[in-house]
Amino acid sequence: LVGHTPLVRLHNFEKNNNLKAQLIGKLEYLNP
């Protein structure tokens, strides 16, 4: 089950901080 963790866009965090770049988190805590 190790690996293949998803990438997730941090949309609300970007909006709340007026960020113009895309922040994309790789959720490594979804490893087993």
All heavy atoms as atom14 arrays in JSON, in Angstrom:
{
  "sequence": "LVGHTPLVRLHNFEKNNNLKAQLIGKLEYLNP",
  "atom14_mask": [
    [1, 1, 1, 1, 1, 1, 1, 1, 0, 0, 0, 0, 0, 0],
    [1, 1, 1, 1, 1, 1, 1, 0, 0, 0, 0, 0, 0, 0],
    [1, 1, 1, 1, 0, 0, 0, 0, 0, 0, 0, 0, 0, 0],
    [1, 1, 1, 1, 1, 1, 1, 1, 1, 1, 0, 0, 0, 0],
    [1, 1, 1, 1, 1, 1, 1, 0, 0, 0, 0, 0, 0, 0],
    [1, 1, 1, 1, 1, 1, 1, 0, 0, 0, 0, 0, 0, 0],
    [1, 1, 1, 1, 1, 1, 1, 1, 0, 0, 0, 0, 0, 0],
    [1, 1, 1, 1, 1, 1, 1, 0, 0, 0, 0, 0, 0, 0],
    [1, 1, 1, 1, 1, 1, 1, 1, 1, 1, 1, 0, 0, 0],
    [1, 1, 1, 1, 1, 1, 1, 1, 0, 0, 0, 0, 0, 0],
    [1, 1, 1, 1, 1, 1, 1, 1, 1, 1, 0, 0, 0, 0],
    [1, 1, 1, 1, 1, 1, 1, 1, 0, 0, 0, 0, 0, 0],
    [1, 1, 1, 1, 1, 1, 1, 1, 1, 1, 1, 0, 0, 0],
    [1, 1, 1, 1, 1, 1, 1, 1, 1, 0, 0, 0, 0, 0],
    [1, 1, 1, 1, 1, 1, 1, 1, 1, 0, 0, 0, 0, 0],
    [1, 1, 1, 1, 1, 1, 1, 1, 0, 0, 0, 0, 0, 0],
    [1, 1, 1, 1, 1, 1, 1, 1, 0, 0, 0, 0, 0, 0],
    [1, 1, 1, 1, 1, 1, 1, 1, 0, 0, 0, 0, 0, 0],
    [1, 1, 1, 1, 1, 1, 1, 1, 0, 0, 0, 0, 0, 0],
    [1, 1, 1, 1, 1, 1, 1, 1, 1, 0, 0, 0, 0, 0],
    [1, 1, 1, 1, 1, 0, 0, 0, 0, 0, 0, 0, 0, 0],
    [1, 1, 1, 1, 1, 1, 1, 1, 1, 0, 0, 0, 0, 0],
    [1, 1, 1, 1, 1, 1, 1, 1, 0, 0, 0, 0, 0, 0],
    [1, 1, 1, 1, 1, 1, 1, 1, 0, 0, 0, 0, 0, 0],
    [1, 1, 1, 1, 0, 0, 0, 0, 0, 0, 0, 0, 0, 0],
    [1, 1, 1, 1, 1, 1, 1, 1, 1, 0, 0, 0, 0, 0],
    [1, 1, 1, 1, 1, 1, 1, 1, 0, 0, 0, 0, 0, 0],
    [1, 1, 1, 1, 1, 1, 1, 1, 1, 0, 0, 0, 0, 0],
    [1, 1, 1, 1, 1, 1, 1, 1, 1, 1, 1, 1, 0, 0],
    [1, 1, 1, 1, 1, 1, 1, 1, 0, 0, 0, 0, 0, 0],
    [1, 1, 1, 1, 1, 1, 1, 1, 0, 0, 0, 0, 0, 0],
    [1, 1, 1, 1, 1, 1, 1, 0, 0, 0, 0, 0, 0, 0]
  ],
  "atom14_positions": [
    [[0.8, -1.22, 0.0], [0.0, 0.0, 0.0], [0.84, 1.27, 0.0], [0.3, 2.38, 0.07], [-0.92, 0.01, 1.22], [-1.8, -1.22, 1.41], [-2.63, -1.08, 2.67], [-2.7, -1.43, 0.2], [0.0, 0.0, 0.0], [0.0, 0.0, 0.0], [0.0, 0.0, 0.0], [0.0, 0.0, 0.0], [0.0, 0.0, 0.0], [0.0, 0.0, 0.0]],
    [[2.15, 1.13, -0.07], [3.03, 2.29, 0.0], [3.03, 3.04, -1.33], [3.12, 2.46, -2.4], [4.46, 1.86, 0.35], [5.42, 3.05, 0.34], [4.49, 1.17, 1.71], [0.0, 0.0, 0.0], [0.0, 0.0, 0.0], [0.0, 0.0, 0.0], [0.0, 0.0, 0.0], [0.0, 0.0, 0.0], [0.0, 0.0, 0.0], [0.0, 0.0, 0.0]],
    [[2.93, 4.36, -1.23], [3.04, 5.21, -2.42], [1.7, 5.52, -3.08], [0.64, 5.23, -2.54], [0.0, 0.0, 0.0], [0.0, 0.0, 0.0], [0.0, 0.0, 0.0], [0.0, 0.0, 0.0], [0.0, 0.0, 0.0], [0.0, 0.0, 0.0], [0.0, 0.0, 0.0], [0.0, 0.0, 0.0], [0.0, 0.0, 0.0], [0.0, 0.0, 0.0]],
    [[1.79, 6.14, -4.25], [0.61, 6.56, -5.02], [-0.26, 7.5, -4.21], [-1.49, 7.43, -4.26], [-0.18, 5.35, -5.51], [0.64, 4.39, -6.31], [1.11, 4.7, -7.58], [1.12, 3.15, -6.02], [1.82, 3.67, -8.04], [1.84, 2.73, -7.11], [0.0, 0.0, 0.0], [0.0, 0.0, 0.0], [0.0, 0.0, 0.0], [0.0, 0.0, 0.0]],
    [[0.37, 8.39, -3.46], [-0.37, 9.38, -2.67], [-0.85, 10.51, -3.59], [-0.2, 10.84, -4.57], [0.52, 9.96, -1.56], [1.69, 10.54, -2.15], [0.92, 8.89, -0.57], [0.0, 0.0, 0.0], [0.0, 0.0, 0.0], [0.0, 0.0, 0.0], [0.0, 0.0, 0.0], [0.0, 0.0, 0.0], [0.0, 0.0, 0.0], [0.0, 0.0, 0.0]],
    [[-1.98, 11.12, -3.27], [-2.56, 12.11, -4.18], [-1.96, 13.5, -4.03], [-1.4, 13.86, -2.99], [-4.04, 12.13, -3.76], [-4.0, 11.78, -2.3], [-2.88, 10.8, -2.15], [0.0, 0.0, 0.0], [0.0, 0.0, 0.0], [0.0, 0.0, 0.0], [0.0, 0.0, 0.0], [0.0, 0.0, 0.0], [0.0, 0.0, 0.0], [0.0, 0.0, 0.0]],
    [[-2.12, 14.28, -5.1], [-1.83, 15.71, -5.07], [-3.15, 16.46, -4.91], [-4.13, 16.15, -5.6], [-1.15, 16.15, -6.37], [0.27, 15.64, -6.63], [0.72, 16.01, -8.04], [1.25, 16.19, -5.61], [0.0, 0.0, 0.0], [0.0, 0.0, 0.0], [0.0, 0.0, 0.0], [0.0, 0.0, 0.0], [0.0, 0.0, 0.0], [0.0, 0.0, 0.0]],
    [[-3.16, 17.46, -4.02], [-4.38, 18.21, -3.73], [-4.08, 19.71, -3.77], [-3.12, 20.17, -3.14], [-4.97, 17.84, -2.36], [-6.19, 18.69, -2.04], [-5.34, 16.35, -2.33], [0.0, 0.0, 0.0], [0.0, 0.0, 0.0], [0.0, 0.0, 0.0], [0.0, 0.0, 0.0], [0.0, 0.0, 0.0], [0.0, 0.0, 0.0], [0.0, 0.0, 0.0]],
    [[-4.89, 20.44, -4.5], [-4.75, 21.9, -4.58], [-5.3, 22.54, -3.3], [-6.39, 22.19, -2.82], [-5.54, 22.39, -5.79], [-5.51, 23.9, -6.01], [-4.38, 24.36, -6.87], [-4.52, 25.81, -7.09], [-5.16, 26.36, -8.11], [-5.71, 25.58, -9.04], [-5.23, 27.68, -8.23], [0.0, 0.0, 0.0], [0.0, 0.0, 0.0], [0.0, 0.0, 0.0]],
    [[-4.56, 23.48, -2.73], [-4.96, 24.14, -1.49], [-5.74, 25.41, -1.82], [-5.34, 26.54, -1.51], [-3.73, 24.47, -0.64], [-2.75, 23.3, -0.4], [-1.6, 23.75, 0.49], [-3.46, 22.09, 0.19], [0.0, 0.0, 0.0], [0.0, 0.0, 0.0], [0.0, 0.0, 0.0], [0.0, 0.0, 0.0], [0.0, 0.0, 0.0], [0.0, 0.0, 0.0]],
    [[-6.9, 25.25, -2.42], [-7.67, 26.37, -2.97], [-8.04, 27.41, -1.92], [-7.85, 28.62, -2.13], [-8.95, 25.85, -3.62], [-8.76, 25.29, -4.98], [-8.52, 26.07, -6.09], [-8.77, 24.01, -5.43], [-8.41, 25.31, -7.15], [-8.54, 24.05, -6.79], [0.0, 0.0, 0.0], [0.0, 0.0, 0.0], [0.0, 0.0, 0.0], [0.0, 0.0, 0.0]],
    [[-8.61, 26.98, -0.81], [-9.08, 27.95, 0.19], [-7.92, 28.7, 0.84], [-8.02, 29.9, 1.1], [-9.92, 27.24, 1.25], [-11.2, 26.67, 0.67], [-11.7, 27.15, -0.34], [-11.73, 25.63, 1.3], [0.0, 0.0, 0.0], [0.0, 0.0, 0.0], [0.0, 0.0, 0.0], [0.0, 0.0, 0.0], [0.0, 0.0, 0.0], [0.0, 0.0, 0.0]],
    [[-6.83, 27.99, 1.1], [-5.64, 28.64, 1.66], [-5.11, 29.69, 0.7], [-4.73, 30.79, 1.11], [-4.58, 27.58, 1.97], [-3.36, 28.12, 2.65], [-3.34, 28.3, 4.02], [-2.21, 28.43, 1.92], [-2.2, 28.79, 4.66], [-1.07, 28.92, 2.55], [-1.07, 29.1, 3.92], [0.0, 0.0, 0.0], [0.0, 0.0, 0.0], [0.0, 0.0, 0.0]],
    [[-5.08, 29.35, -0.59], [-4.65, 30.32, -1.6], [-5.54, 31.57, -1.57], [-5.05, 32.71, -1.55], [-4.72, 29.7, -3.0], [-3.72, 28.61, -3.28], [-3.99, 27.95, -4.63], [-4.75, 28.53, -5.44], [-3.44, 26.86, -4.86], [0.0, 0.0, 0.0], [0.0, 0.0, 0.0], [0.0, 0.0, 0.0], [0.0, 0.0, 0.0], [0.0, 0.0, 0.0]],
    [[-6.84, 31.36, -1.57], [-7.79, 32.47, -1.61], [-7.67, 33.35, -0.36], [-7.63, 34.58, -0.46], [-9.21, 31.93, -1.73], [-10.29, 33.01, -1.79], [-11.66, 32.38, -1.92], [-12.76, 33.47, -1.94], [-14.11, 32.86, -2.04], [0.0, 0.0, 0.0], [0.0, 0.0, 0.0], [0.0, 0.0, 0.0], [0.0, 0.0, 0.0], [0.0, 0.0, 0.0]],
    [[-7.59, 32.71, 0.81], [-7.54, 33.45, 2.06], [-6.27, 34.29, 2.19], [-6.26, 35.3, 2.91], [-7.65, 32.5, 3.25], [-9.01, 31.84, 3.33], [-9.97, 32.26, 2.69], [-9.09, 30.77, 4.12], [0.0, 0.0, 0.0], [0.0, 0.0, 0.0], [0.0, 0.0, 0.0], [0.0, 0.0, 0.0], [0.0, 0.0, 0.0], [0.0, 0.0, 0.0]],
    [[-5.21, 33.86, 1.51], [-3.94, 34.57, 1.6], [-3.61, 35.36, 0.34], [-2.5, 35.87, 0.19], [-2.8, 33.58, 1.9], [-2.87, 33.04, 3.31], [-2.42, 33.68, 4.26], [-3.45, 31.84, 3.46], [0.0, 0.0, 0.0], [0.0, 0.0, 0.0], [0.0, 0.0, 0.0], [0.0, 0.0, 0.0], [0.0, 0.0, 0.0], [0.0, 0.0, 0.0]],
    [[-4.62, 35.45, -0.56], [-4.46, 36.22, -1.79], [-3.23, 35.77, -2.58], [-2.45, 36.59, -3.09], [-4.37, 37.73, -1.49], [-4.6, 38.58, -2.73], [-5.33, 38.18, -3.65], [-3.97, 39.74, -2.77], [0.0, 0.0, 0.0], [0.0, 0.0, 0.0], [0.0, 0.0, 0.0], [0.0, 0.0, 0.0], [0.0, 0.0, 0.0], [0.0, 0.0, 0.0]],
    [[-3.08, 34.47, -2.72], [-1.94, 33.91, -3.44], [-2.28, 33.73, -4.91], [-3.35, 33.21, -5.24], [-1.54, 32.56, -2.83], [-1.23, 32.56, -1.32], [-0.85, 31.17, -0.87], [-0.14, 33.57, -0.98], [0.0, 0.0, 0.0], [0.0, 0.0, 0.0], [0.0, 0.0, 0.0], [0.0, 0.0, 0.0], [0.0, 0.0, 0.0], [0.0, 0.0, 0.0]],
    [[-1.38, 34.14, -5.77], [-1.62, 34.06, -7.21], [-0.97, 32.83, -7.85], [-1.18, 32.57, -9.03], [-1.09, 35.33, -7.89], [-1.67, 36.63, -7.32], [-3.19, 36.66, -7.39], [-3.73, 37.99, -6.87], [-5.21, 38.01, -6.86], [0.0, 0.0, 0.0], [0.0, 0.0, 0.0], [0.0, 0.0, 0.0], [0.0, 0.0, 0.0], [0.0, 0.0, 0.0]],
    [[-0.18, 32.11, -7.07], [0.39, 30.85, -7.55], [-0.46, 29.69, -7.06], [-1.27, 29.84, -6.15], [1.83, 30.69, -7.06], [0.0, 0.0, 0.0], [0.0, 0.0, 0.0], [0.0, 0.0, 0.0], [0.0, 0.0, 0.0], [0.0, 0.0, 0.0], [0.0, 0.0, 0.0], [0.0, 0.0, 0.0], [0.0, 0.0, 0.0], [0.0, 0.0, 0.0]],
    [[-0.28, 28.53, -7.67], [-1.01, 27.33, -7.26], [-0.18, 26.54, -6.25], [0.96, 26.18, -6.53], [-1.31, 26.45, -8.47], [-2.22, 27.07, -9.49], [-2.52, 26.12, -10.64], [-2.5, 24.9, -10.48], [-2.81, 26.69, -11.8], [0.0, 0.0, 0.0], [0.0, 0.0, 0.0], [0.0, 0.0, 0.0], [0.0, 0.0, 0.0], [0.0, 0.0, 0.0]],
    [[-0.78, 26.28, -5.08], [-0.14, 25.44, -4.08], [-0.76, 24.05, -4.15], [-1.97, 23.88, -3.99], [-0.33, 26.03, -2.67], [0.76, 26.98, -2.18], [0.99, 28.12, -3.14], [0.43, 27.5, -0.79], [0.0, 0.0, 0.0], [0.0, 0.0, 0.0], [0.0, 0.0, 0.0], [0.0, 0.0, 0.0], [0.0, 0.0, 0.0], [0.0, 0.0, 0.0]],
    [[0.09, 23.05, -4.4], [-0.36, 21.68, -4.62], [0.35, 20.77, -3.63], [1.57, 20.58, -3.7], [-0.05, 21.23, -6.07], [-0.68, 22.21, -7.07], [-0.54, 19.81, -6.31], [-0.13, 22.09, -8.48], [0.0, 0.0, 0.0], [0.0, 0.0, 0.0], [0.0, 0.0, 0.0], [0.0, 0.0, 0.0], [0.0, 0.0, 0.0], [0.0, 0.0, 0.0]],
    [[-0.39, 20.23, -2.67], [0.2, 19.39, -1.64], [0.18, 17.92, -2.0], [-0.84, 17.41, -2.46], [0.0, 0.0, 0.0], [0.0, 0.0, 0.0], [0.0, 0.0, 0.0], [0.0, 0.0, 0.0], [0.0, 0.0, 0.0], [0.0, 0.0, 0.0], [0.0, 0.0, 0.0], [0.0, 0.0, 0.0], [0.0, 0.0, 0.0], [0.0, 0.0, 0.0]],
    [[1.3, 17.25, -1.78], [1.34, 15.79, -1.95], [1.15, 15.17, -0.57], [2.02, 15.29, 0.31], [2.66, 15.33, -2.58], [2.66, 13.84, -2.95], [3.72, 13.51, -3.97], [3.79, 12.01, -4.29], [2.54, 11.48, -4.88], [0.0, 0.0, 0.0], [0.0, 0.0, 0.0], [0.0, 0.0, 0.0], [0.0, 0.0, 0.0], [0.0, 0.0, 0.0]],
    [[0.02, 14.51, -0.39], [-0.41, 14.05, 0.93], [0.26, 12.73, 1.31], [-0.32, 11.64, 1.22], [-1.93, 13.89, 0.96], [-2.76, 15.12, 0.57], [-4.24, 14.87, 0.82], [-2.3, 16.37, 1.32], [0.0, 0.0, 0.0], [0.0, 0.0, 0.0], [0.0, 0.0, 0.0], [0.0, 0.0, 0.0], [0.0, 0.0, 0.0], [0.0, 0.0, 0.0]],
    [[1.5, 12.85, 1.78], [2.26, 11.66, 2.15], [1.74, 10.98, 3.4], [2.08, 9.83, 3.68], [3.74, 12.02, 2.31], [4.44, 12.28, 0.99], [4.44, 11.05, 0.1], [5.1, 10.05, 0.46], [3.76, 11.07, -0.95], [0.0, 0.0, 0.0], [0.0, 0.0, 0.0], [0.0, 0.0, 0.0], [0.0, 0.0, 0.0], [0.0, 0.0, 0.0]],
    [[0.89, 11.66, 4.16], [0.33, 11.01, 5.34], [-0.7, 9.95, 4.97], [-1.2, 9.22, 5.83], [-0.25, 12.02, 6.33], [-1.37, 12.91, 5.83], [-2.66, 12.43, 5.69], [-1.14, 14.26, 5.55], [-3.7, 13.26, 5.27], [-2.17, 15.09, 5.12], [-3.44, 14.58, 4.99], [-4.45, 15.4, 4.58], [0.0, 0.0, 0.0], [0.0, 0.0, 0.0]],
    [[-1.01, 9.82, 3.68], [-1.91, 8.75, 3.24], [-1.17, 7.45, 2.92], [-1.76, 6.49, 2.45], [-2.74, 9.22, 2.05], [-3.73, 10.34, 2.4], [-4.53, 10.77, 1.17], [-4.68, 9.92, 3.51], [0.0, 0.0, 0.0], [0.0, 0.0, 0.0], [0.0, 0.0, 0.0], [0.0, 0.0, 0.0], [0.0, 0.0, 0.0], [0.0, 0.0, 0.0]],
    [[0.14, 7.43, 3.18], [0.86, 6.15, 3.19], [0.37, 5.34, 4.38], [-0.19, 5.88, 5.34], [2.37, 6.41, 3.29], [3.0, 6.72, 1.94], [2.94, 5.91, 1.01], [3.58, 7.91, 1.83], [0.0, 0.0, 0.0], [0.0, 0.0, 0.0], [0.0, 0.0, 0.0], [0.0, 0.0, 0.0], [0.0, 0.0, 0.0], [0.0, 0.0, 0.0]],
    [[0.58, 4.01, 4.38], [-0.08, 3.16, 5.37], [0.23, 3.46, 6.83], [-0.63, 3.27, 7.69], [0.35, 1.73, 4.98], [1.43, 1.89, 3.99], [1.24, 3.2, 3.34], [0.0, 0.0, 0.0], [0.0, 0.0, 0.0], [0.0, 0.0, 0.0], [0.0, 0.0, 0.0], [0.0, 0.0, 0.0], [0.0, 0.0, 0.0], [0.0, 0.0, 0.0]]
  ]
}
